């Protein structure tokens, strides 16, 4: 195997390890599916892996745990020298949540925000569909849910409360 192929395999393996880390606040979705995993690079000479992440919002209390979990996952995969860097620009957007991530959120009873169709479109939410029964007959109970990035909603059809991931 050539040095270039070995480096690519190693980078791919490192990405896979980092991408497997589960978000500590929303335990049904990985940091890759959530869109906060930005880059994984490996220095060809030192072997050091540099992981770049972007928090869902400035001051997110889960970032220390995410950094520790990324280091742990990479060490387990054979990468003991890891630097996890946090970048704020461009800021994270709910548009970065993958389709798989949106489906996992809905399956867990968390209403995901719809992706914006174009960068110059202003998002307008007329209704948040209940992730449990699919009804658009819902109401916001509180702008704050179980975590700062979620709001608490209630379905008028099935009467169940649910979290809605705030669109950013």
N, C-alpha and C. Protein backbone atom coordinates (compact mmCIF):
# COMPACT_ATOMS: atom_id res chain seq x y z
N UNK A 1 0.85 -1.18 0.00
CA UNK A 1 0.00 0.00 0.00
C UNK A 1 0.89 1.23 0.00
N UNK A 2 0.56 2.20 -0.83
CA UNK A 2 1.37 3.41 -0.94
C UNK A 2 1.20 4.29 0.31
N UNK A 3 2.13 5.21 0.51
CA UNK A 3 2.05 6.12 1.65
C UNK A 3 0.80 6.97 1.59
N UNK A 4 0.44 7.41 0.36
CA UNK A 4 -0.77 8.22 0.19
C UNK A 4 -2.02 7.44 0.55
N UNK A 5 -2.08 6.18 0.13
CA UNK A 5 -3.23 5.33 0.45
C UNK A 5 -3.31 5.05 1.94
N UNK A 6 -2.15 4.83 2.56
CA UNK A 6 -2.12 4.60 4.01
C UNK A 6 -2.60 5.85 4.75
N UNK A 7 -2.15 7.02 4.33
CA UNK A 7 -2.57 8.27 4.97
C UNK A 7 -4.07 8.47 4.80
N UNK A 8 -4.61 8.18 3.61
CA UNK A 8 -6.05 8.34 3.37
C UNK A 8 -6.85 7.36 4.22
N UNK A 9 -6.38 6.10 4.29
CA UNK A 9 -7.07 5.11 5.11
C UNK A 9 -7.06 5.55 6.57
N UNK A 10 -5.91 6.04 7.00
CA UNK A 10 -5.78 6.47 8.38
C UNK A 10 -6.71 7.65 8.68
N UNK A 11 -6.79 8.61 7.73
CA UNK A 11 -7.69 9.75 7.91
C UNK A 11 -9.15 9.29 7.93
N UNK A 12 -9.49 8.36 7.05
CA UNK A 12 -10.85 7.83 7.00
C UNK A 12 -11.19 7.11 8.30
N UNK A 13 -10.24 6.31 8.81
CA UNK A 13 -10.46 5.60 10.07
C UNK A 13 -10.62 6.59 11.23
N UNK A 14 -9.81 7.64 11.22
CA UNK A 14 -9.90 8.65 12.28
C UNK A 14 -11.25 9.37 12.20
N UNK A 15 -11.69 9.72 10.97
CA UNK A 15 -12.99 10.36 10.80
C UNK A 15 -14.10 9.45 11.34
N UNK A 16 -14.05 8.18 10.98
CA UNK A 16 -15.07 7.23 11.42
C UNK A 16 -15.13 7.17 12.95
N UNK A 17 -13.98 7.15 13.59
CA UNK A 17 -13.94 7.10 15.06
C UNK A 17 -14.55 8.36 15.66
N UNK A 18 -14.15 9.53 15.15
CA UNK A 18 -14.69 10.80 15.67
C UNK A 18 -16.19 10.91 15.38
N UNK A 19 -16.60 10.49 14.19
CA UNK A 19 -18.00 10.60 13.78
C UNK A 19 -18.92 9.71 14.59
N UNK A 20 -18.38 8.71 15.25
CA UNK A 20 -19.21 7.80 16.05
C UNK A 20 -19.59 8.36 17.42
N UNK A 21 -19.00 9.47 17.80
CA UNK A 21 -19.27 10.06 19.12
C UNK A 21 -20.71 10.56 19.17
N UNK A 22 -21.42 10.15 20.21
CA UNK A 22 -22.82 10.53 20.39
C UNK A 22 -22.90 11.87 21.11
N UNK A 23 -23.81 12.72 20.68
CA UNK A 23 -24.02 14.00 21.36
C UNK A 23 -24.48 13.73 22.79
N UNK A 24 -23.82 14.32 23.79
CA UNK A 24 -24.17 14.02 25.18
C UNK A 24 -25.53 14.57 25.63
N UNK A 25 -26.08 15.55 24.92
CA UNK A 25 -27.38 16.09 25.30
C UNK A 25 -28.52 15.47 24.52
N UNK A 26 -28.24 15.06 23.30
CA UNK A 26 -29.25 14.42 22.45
C UNK A 26 -28.70 13.05 22.09
N UNK A 27 -28.86 12.09 22.97
CA UNK A 27 -28.16 10.81 22.91
C UNK A 27 -28.52 9.92 21.72
N UNK A 28 -29.43 10.33 20.86
CA UNK A 28 -29.83 9.50 19.72
C UNK A 28 -29.10 9.87 18.43
N UNK A 29 -28.22 10.87 18.49
CA UNK A 29 -27.60 11.40 17.28
C UNK A 29 -26.10 11.60 17.52
N UNK A 30 -25.31 11.33 16.49
CA UNK A 30 -23.87 11.52 16.62
C UNK A 30 -23.50 12.97 16.31
N UNK A 31 -22.28 13.34 16.67
CA UNK A 31 -21.83 14.70 16.38
C UNK A 31 -21.68 14.92 14.88
N UNK A 32 -21.45 13.85 14.13
CA UNK A 32 -21.39 13.96 12.68
C UNK A 32 -22.79 14.20 12.11
N UNK A 33 -23.77 13.44 12.56
CA UNK A 33 -25.15 13.61 12.08
C UNK A 33 -25.71 14.97 12.48
N UNK A 34 -25.28 15.47 13.64
CA UNK A 34 -25.73 16.77 14.11
C UNK A 34 -25.05 17.91 13.34
N UNK A 35 -23.92 17.61 12.70
CA UNK A 35 -23.25 18.60 11.88
C UNK A 35 -22.22 19.43 12.61
N UNK A 36 -21.83 19.03 13.81
CA UNK A 36 -20.82 19.81 14.53
C UNK A 36 -19.40 19.30 14.27
N UNK A 37 -19.26 18.10 13.71
CA UNK A 37 -17.95 17.59 13.33
C UNK A 37 -17.60 18.20 11.98
N UNK A 38 -16.56 19.02 11.96
CA UNK A 38 -16.24 19.77 10.74
C UNK A 38 -15.11 19.14 9.94
N UNK A 39 -14.05 18.71 10.63
CA UNK A 39 -12.87 18.22 9.90
C UNK A 39 -12.08 17.28 10.80
N UNK A 40 -11.44 16.30 10.17
CA UNK A 40 -10.51 15.41 10.86
C UNK A 40 -9.29 15.30 9.95
N UNK A 41 -8.14 15.72 10.46
CA UNK A 41 -6.91 15.67 9.69
C UNK A 41 -5.84 14.96 10.51
N UNK A 42 -4.91 14.34 9.81
CA UNK A 42 -3.80 13.68 10.50
C UNK A 42 -2.49 14.15 9.90
N UNK A 43 -1.57 14.56 10.78
CA UNK A 43 -0.24 14.97 10.35
C UNK A 43 0.51 13.72 9.90
N UNK A 44 1.01 13.73 8.69
CA UNK A 44 1.69 12.55 8.12
C UNK A 44 2.97 12.21 8.85
N UNK A 45 3.61 13.20 9.43
CA UNK A 45 4.90 12.97 10.09
C UNK A 45 4.72 12.55 11.54
N UNK A 46 3.94 13.32 12.30
CA UNK A 46 3.80 13.04 13.73
C UNK A 46 2.67 12.05 14.04
N UNK A 47 1.72 11.92 13.13
CA UNK A 47 0.57 11.05 13.39
C UNK A 47 -0.52 11.73 14.21
N UNK A 48 -0.26 12.95 14.65
CA UNK A 48 -1.25 13.68 15.47
C UNK A 48 -2.52 13.92 14.65
N UNK A 49 -3.66 13.67 15.29
CA UNK A 49 -4.95 13.89 14.65
C UNK A 49 -5.52 15.21 15.18
N UNK A 50 -5.97 16.04 14.27
CA UNK A 50 -6.61 17.31 14.63
C UNK A 50 -8.07 17.22 14.20
N UNK A 51 -8.96 17.36 15.18
CA UNK A 51 -10.40 17.30 14.95
C UNK A 51 -10.95 18.71 15.15
N UNK A 52 -11.75 19.17 14.20
CA UNK A 52 -12.35 20.49 14.29
C UNK A 52 -13.86 20.33 14.47
N UNK A 53 -14.38 21.00 15.50
CA UNK A 53 -15.82 20.96 15.80
C UNK A 53 -16.36 22.37 15.96
N UNK A 54 -17.65 22.52 15.73
CA UNK A 54 -18.34 23.79 15.92
C UNK A 54 -19.53 23.55 16.84
N UNK A 55 -19.63 24.28 17.95
CA UNK A 55 -20.77 24.07 18.85
C UNK A 55 -22.08 24.54 18.22
N UNK A 56 -23.17 23.98 18.69
CA UNK A 56 -24.47 24.38 18.17
C UNK A 56 -24.77 25.82 18.55
N UNK A 57 -24.21 26.28 19.64
CA UNK A 57 -24.30 27.69 20.01
C UNK A 57 -23.16 28.01 20.96
N UNK A 58 -22.74 29.27 20.97
CA UNK A 58 -21.65 29.70 21.83
C UNK A 58 -22.03 29.45 23.29
N UNK A 59 -21.15 28.83 24.02
CA UNK A 59 -21.42 28.54 25.42
C UNK A 59 -22.11 27.22 25.65
N UNK A 60 -22.21 26.38 24.63
CA UNK A 60 -22.86 25.08 24.78
C UNK A 60 -22.15 24.29 25.89
N UNK A 61 -22.87 23.88 26.93
CA UNK A 61 -22.23 23.20 28.05
C UNK A 61 -21.73 21.80 27.74
N UNK A 62 -22.12 21.24 26.60
CA UNK A 62 -21.72 19.88 26.26
C UNK A 62 -20.35 19.82 25.57
N UNK A 63 -19.76 20.95 25.23
CA UNK A 63 -18.52 20.94 24.44
C UNK A 63 -17.36 20.25 25.15
N UNK A 64 -17.20 20.46 26.45
CA UNK A 64 -16.10 19.79 27.16
C UNK A 64 -16.27 18.27 27.09
N UNK A 65 -17.49 17.80 27.26
CA UNK A 65 -17.74 16.37 27.20
C UNK A 65 -17.53 15.84 25.77
N UNK A 66 -17.94 16.60 24.78
CA UNK A 66 -17.74 16.18 23.39
C UNK A 66 -16.25 16.07 23.09
N UNK A 67 -15.47 17.06 23.51
CA UNK A 67 -14.02 17.00 23.28
C UNK A 67 -13.41 15.76 23.95
N UNK A 68 -13.81 15.49 25.18
CA UNK A 68 -13.29 14.32 25.90
C UNK A 68 -13.72 13.02 25.21
N UNK A 69 -14.97 12.97 24.76
CA UNK A 69 -15.47 11.77 24.07
C UNK A 69 -14.76 11.54 22.74
N UNK A 70 -14.46 12.63 22.02
CA UNK A 70 -13.72 12.51 20.75
C UNK A 70 -12.32 11.97 21.02
N UNK A 71 -11.64 12.52 22.02
CA UNK A 71 -10.30 12.03 22.36
C UNK A 71 -10.34 10.54 22.74
N UNK A 72 -11.34 10.18 23.53
CA UNK A 72 -11.48 8.78 23.97
C UNK A 72 -11.75 7.85 22.78
N UNK A 73 -12.63 8.25 21.88
CA UNK A 73 -12.97 7.42 20.71
C UNK A 73 -11.76 7.24 19.81
N UNK A 74 -10.99 8.30 19.61
CA UNK A 74 -9.81 8.20 18.75
C UNK A 74 -8.71 7.39 19.43
N UNK A 75 -8.54 7.53 20.74
CA UNK A 75 -7.54 6.71 21.45
C UNK A 75 -7.90 5.23 21.33
N UNK A 76 -9.17 4.92 21.46
CA UNK A 76 -9.63 3.53 21.34
C UNK A 76 -9.38 2.99 19.93
N UNK A 77 -9.44 3.87 18.93
CA UNK A 77 -9.21 3.48 17.53
C UNK A 77 -7.72 3.48 17.17
N UNK A 78 -6.84 3.78 18.14
CA UNK A 78 -5.40 3.74 17.88
C UNK A 78 -4.76 5.07 17.57
N UNK A 79 -5.42 6.16 17.94
CA UNK A 79 -4.87 7.50 17.72
C UNK A 79 -4.70 8.19 19.08
N UNK A 80 -3.54 7.99 19.74
CA UNK A 80 -3.37 8.54 21.09
C UNK A 80 -3.09 10.05 21.14
N UNK A 81 -2.61 10.62 20.03
CA UNK A 81 -2.25 12.04 20.02
C UNK A 81 -3.32 12.81 19.25
N UNK A 82 -4.23 13.46 20.00
CA UNK A 82 -5.39 14.12 19.39
C UNK A 82 -5.52 15.53 19.93
N UNK A 83 -5.76 16.45 19.01
CA UNK A 83 -6.04 17.84 19.36
C UNK A 83 -7.44 18.15 18.85
N UNK A 84 -8.34 18.55 19.74
CA UNK A 84 -9.71 18.90 19.34
C UNK A 84 -9.82 20.42 19.38
N UNK A 85 -10.10 20.99 18.22
CA UNK A 85 -10.19 22.45 18.10
C UNK A 85 -11.64 22.86 17.89
N UNK A 86 -11.99 23.97 18.51
CA UNK A 86 -13.35 24.51 18.38
C UNK A 86 -13.29 25.76 17.52
N UNK A 87 -14.12 25.79 16.48
CA UNK A 87 -14.21 26.97 15.62
C UNK A 87 -15.64 27.49 15.65
N UNK A 88 -15.78 28.79 15.55
CA UNK A 88 -17.10 29.42 15.64
C UNK A 88 -17.55 30.05 14.32
N UNK A 89 -16.67 30.04 13.33
CA UNK A 89 -17.00 30.67 12.06
C UNK A 89 -16.73 29.69 10.93
N UNK A 90 -17.69 29.45 10.08
CA UNK A 90 -19.04 29.96 10.16
C UNK A 90 -19.79 29.32 11.32
N UNK A 91 -20.77 30.03 11.86
CA UNK A 91 -21.52 29.47 12.98
C UNK A 91 -22.35 28.26 12.55
N UNK A 92 -22.54 27.34 13.48
CA UNK A 92 -23.33 26.15 13.22
C UNK A 92 -24.75 26.54 12.82
N UNK A 93 -25.34 25.74 11.97
CA UNK A 93 -26.71 25.95 11.52
C UNK A 93 -27.45 24.62 11.56
N UNK A 94 -28.73 24.65 11.82
CA UNK A 94 -29.52 23.43 11.80
C UNK A 94 -29.56 22.83 10.39
N UNK A 95 -29.17 23.60 9.39
CA UNK A 95 -29.06 23.05 8.03
C UNK A 95 -27.97 22.00 7.94
N UNK A 96 -27.05 21.99 8.89
CA UNK A 96 -25.95 21.02 8.88
C UNK A 96 -26.37 19.66 9.42
N UNK A 97 -27.55 19.54 9.98
CA UNK A 97 -28.03 18.24 10.45
C UNK A 97 -28.30 17.37 9.23
N UNK A 98 -27.77 16.16 9.24
CA UNK A 98 -27.95 15.26 8.10
C UNK A 98 -29.39 14.73 8.05
N UNK A 99 -29.77 14.20 6.91
CA UNK A 99 -31.10 13.59 6.78
C UNK A 99 -31.25 12.43 7.76
N UNK A 100 -30.19 11.66 7.93
CA UNK A 100 -30.21 10.56 8.91
C UNK A 100 -30.42 11.11 10.31
N UNK A 101 -29.74 12.20 10.62
CA UNK A 101 -29.88 12.84 11.93
C UNK A 101 -31.29 13.34 12.16
N UNK A 102 -31.89 13.95 11.15
CA UNK A 102 -33.28 14.43 11.27
C UNK A 102 -34.23 13.27 11.53
N UNK A 103 -34.01 12.17 10.83
CA UNK A 103 -34.87 10.99 11.02
C UNK A 103 -34.69 10.42 12.42
N UNK A 104 -33.47 10.38 12.92
CA UNK A 104 -33.22 9.87 14.28
C UNK A 104 -33.87 10.77 15.33
N UNK A 105 -33.78 12.08 15.13
CA UNK A 105 -34.42 13.00 16.07
C UNK A 105 -35.93 12.77 16.11
N UNK A 106 -36.54 12.68 14.95
CA UNK A 106 -37.99 12.47 14.88
C UNK A 106 -38.38 11.14 15.52
N UNK A 107 -37.58 10.09 15.29
CA UNK A 107 -37.87 8.78 15.88
C UNK A 107 -37.77 8.81 17.39
N UNK A 108 -36.95 9.72 17.91
CA UNK A 108 -36.78 9.85 19.36
C UNK A 108 -37.78 10.82 19.98
N UNK A 109 -38.70 11.34 19.17
CA UNK A 109 -39.71 12.26 19.70
C UNK A 109 -39.26 13.70 19.77
N UNK A 110 -38.20 14.04 19.04
CA UNK A 110 -37.71 15.42 18.97
C UNK A 110 -37.99 15.93 17.56
N UNK A 111 -38.79 16.98 17.45
CA UNK A 111 -39.13 17.52 16.14
C UNK A 111 -37.93 18.28 15.58
N UNK A 112 -37.37 17.79 14.46
CA UNK A 112 -36.22 18.50 13.88
C UNK A 112 -36.70 19.70 13.05
N UNK A 113 -35.88 20.73 12.98
CA UNK A 113 -36.25 21.86 12.11
C UNK A 113 -36.09 21.44 10.66
N UNK A 114 -36.89 21.99 9.79
CA UNK A 114 -36.77 21.71 8.36
C UNK A 114 -35.54 22.43 7.83
N UNK A 115 -34.85 21.83 6.87
CA UNK A 115 -33.71 22.53 6.28
C UNK A 115 -34.19 23.69 5.42
N UNK A 116 -33.38 24.74 5.37
CA UNK A 116 -33.70 25.87 4.49
C UNK A 116 -33.48 25.41 3.05
N UNK A 117 -34.34 25.86 2.15
CA UNK A 117 -34.22 25.42 0.76
C UNK A 117 -33.16 26.19 0.00
N UNK A 118 -32.85 27.40 0.43
CA UNK A 118 -31.83 28.20 -0.24
C UNK A 118 -31.27 29.21 0.76
N UNK A 119 -30.02 29.65 0.57
CA UNK A 119 -29.42 30.57 1.53
C UNK A 119 -30.13 31.91 1.66
N UNK A 120 -30.85 32.35 0.63
CA UNK A 120 -31.51 33.65 0.69
C UNK A 120 -32.99 33.55 1.06
N UNK A 121 -33.41 32.37 1.53
CA UNK A 121 -34.81 32.18 1.93
C UNK A 121 -34.92 32.38 3.43
N UNK A 122 -35.91 33.13 3.84
CA UNK A 122 -36.18 33.33 5.26
C UNK A 122 -37.10 32.19 5.71
N UNK A 123 -36.65 31.44 6.71
CA UNK A 123 -37.44 30.32 7.19
C UNK A 123 -38.67 30.83 7.94
N UNK A 124 -39.80 30.24 7.65
CA UNK A 124 -41.04 30.60 8.31
C UNK A 124 -41.72 29.30 8.74
N UNK A 125 -41.88 29.14 10.02
CA UNK A 125 -42.50 27.93 10.53
C UNK A 125 -43.94 28.24 10.89
N UNK A 126 -44.87 27.68 10.12
CA UNK A 126 -46.29 27.86 10.41
C UNK A 126 -46.77 26.83 11.41
N UNK A 127 -46.16 25.67 11.36
CA UNK A 127 -46.53 24.61 12.30
C UNK A 127 -45.34 23.70 12.50
N UNK A 128 -45.22 23.17 13.69
CA UNK A 128 -44.23 22.15 13.98
C UNK A 128 -45.00 20.84 14.09
N UNK A 129 -44.69 19.89 13.23
CA UNK A 129 -45.41 18.61 13.26
C UNK A 129 -45.00 17.80 14.48
N UNK A 130 -45.96 17.18 15.09
CA UNK A 130 -45.70 16.30 16.23
C UNK A 130 -44.88 15.11 15.74
N UNK A 131 -43.72 14.85 16.36
CA UNK A 131 -42.91 13.72 15.92
C UNK A 131 -43.52 12.37 16.33
N UNK A 132 -44.54 12.40 17.17
CA UNK A 132 -45.15 11.16 17.64
C UNK A 132 -46.33 10.74 16.77
N UNK A 133 -47.21 11.69 16.41
CA UNK A 133 -48.39 11.32 15.61
C UNK A 133 -48.43 12.02 14.25
N UNK A 134 -47.54 13.01 14.03
CA UNK A 134 -47.49 13.69 12.75
C UNK A 134 -48.44 14.85 12.57
N UNK A 135 -49.22 15.14 13.58
CA UNK A 135 -50.20 16.22 13.48
C UNK A 135 -49.52 17.60 13.46
N UNK A 136 -50.03 18.54 12.63
CA UNK A 136 -49.52 19.91 12.66
C UNK A 136 -50.22 20.74 13.74
N UNK A 137 -51.17 20.16 14.42
CA UNK A 137 -51.92 20.85 15.47
C UNK A 137 -51.12 20.86 16.76
N UNK A 138 -50.12 21.74 16.82
CA UNK A 138 -49.23 21.80 17.97
C UNK A 138 -49.13 23.22 18.48
N UNK A 139 -48.62 23.36 19.69
CA UNK A 139 -48.42 24.69 20.27
C UNK A 139 -47.15 24.70 21.10
N UNK A 140 -46.49 25.84 21.09
CA UNK A 140 -45.29 25.99 21.90
C UNK A 140 -45.71 26.24 23.35
N UNK A 141 -45.17 25.44 24.25
CA UNK A 141 -45.46 25.58 25.68
C UNK A 141 -44.42 26.49 26.33
N UNK A 142 -43.16 26.31 25.93
CA UNK A 142 -42.07 27.11 26.48
C UNK A 142 -40.98 27.25 25.42
N UNK A 143 -40.37 28.43 25.36
CA UNK A 143 -39.27 28.64 24.43
C UNK A 143 -38.04 27.85 24.85
N UNK A 144 -38.07 27.29 26.05
CA UNK A 144 -36.94 26.54 26.57
C UNK A 144 -37.37 25.13 26.90
N UNK A 145 -36.60 24.15 26.38
CA UNK A 145 -36.91 22.75 26.61
C UNK A 145 -35.90 22.12 27.55
N UNK A 146 -35.65 20.83 27.34
CA UNK A 146 -34.75 20.09 28.23
C UNK A 146 -33.30 20.55 28.11
N UNK A 147 -32.95 21.17 27.00
CA UNK A 147 -31.64 21.81 26.83
C UNK A 147 -31.88 23.16 26.16
N UNK A 148 -30.87 24.01 26.20
CA UNK A 148 -31.03 25.37 25.66
C UNK A 148 -31.30 25.40 24.16
N UNK A 149 -30.92 24.35 23.45
CA UNK A 149 -31.12 24.35 21.99
C UNK A 149 -32.49 23.80 21.59
N UNK A 150 -33.33 23.49 22.56
CA UNK A 150 -34.66 22.94 22.27
C UNK A 150 -35.75 23.79 22.93
N UNK A 151 -36.94 23.74 22.34
CA UNK A 151 -38.12 24.39 22.91
C UNK A 151 -39.13 23.28 23.23
N UNK A 152 -39.99 23.53 24.20
CA UNK A 152 -41.00 22.54 24.59
C UNK A 152 -42.31 22.83 23.87
N UNK A 153 -42.85 21.82 23.20
CA UNK A 153 -44.11 21.92 22.46
C UNK A 153 -45.07 20.86 22.95
N UNK A 154 -46.33 21.03 22.62
CA UNK A 154 -47.37 20.04 22.96
C UNK A 154 -48.24 19.83 21.72
N UNK A 155 -48.63 18.60 21.52
CA UNK A 155 -49.51 18.26 20.41
C UNK A 155 -50.95 18.35 20.88
N UNK A 156 -51.77 19.08 20.15
CA UNK A 156 -53.18 19.19 20.50
C UNK A 156 -53.96 17.93 20.11
N UNK A 157 -53.42 17.15 19.19
CA UNK A 157 -54.12 15.93 18.74
C UNK A 157 -53.90 14.77 19.70
N UNK A 158 -52.64 14.47 20.02
CA UNK A 158 -52.37 13.31 20.89
C UNK A 158 -52.06 13.73 22.33
N UNK A 159 -52.00 15.04 22.58
CA UNK A 159 -51.78 15.62 23.91
C UNK A 159 -50.39 15.36 24.50
N UNK A 160 -49.47 14.86 23.69
CA UNK A 160 -48.13 14.56 24.19
C UNK A 160 -47.21 15.77 24.06
N UNK A 161 -46.37 16.00 25.07
CA UNK A 161 -45.34 17.05 24.95
C UNK A 161 -44.16 16.50 24.16
N UNK A 162 -43.42 17.39 23.51
CA UNK A 162 -42.22 16.98 22.80
C UNK A 162 -41.28 18.14 22.66
N UNK A 163 -40.00 17.82 22.47
CA UNK A 163 -38.99 18.85 22.23
C UNK A 163 -38.93 19.17 20.74
N UNK A 164 -38.63 20.42 20.43
CA UNK A 164 -38.41 20.85 19.06
C UNK A 164 -37.03 21.50 19.03
N UNK A 165 -36.13 20.97 18.20
CA UNK A 165 -34.81 21.55 18.07
C UNK A 165 -34.96 22.90 17.39
N UNK A 166 -34.47 23.94 18.05
CA UNK A 166 -34.63 25.30 17.52
C UNK A 166 -33.84 25.47 16.23
N UNK A 167 -34.45 26.12 15.27
CA UNK A 167 -33.77 26.40 14.00
C UNK A 167 -32.81 27.56 14.18
N UNK A 168 -31.61 27.41 13.67
CA UNK A 168 -30.60 28.46 13.72
C UNK A 168 -30.04 28.67 12.34
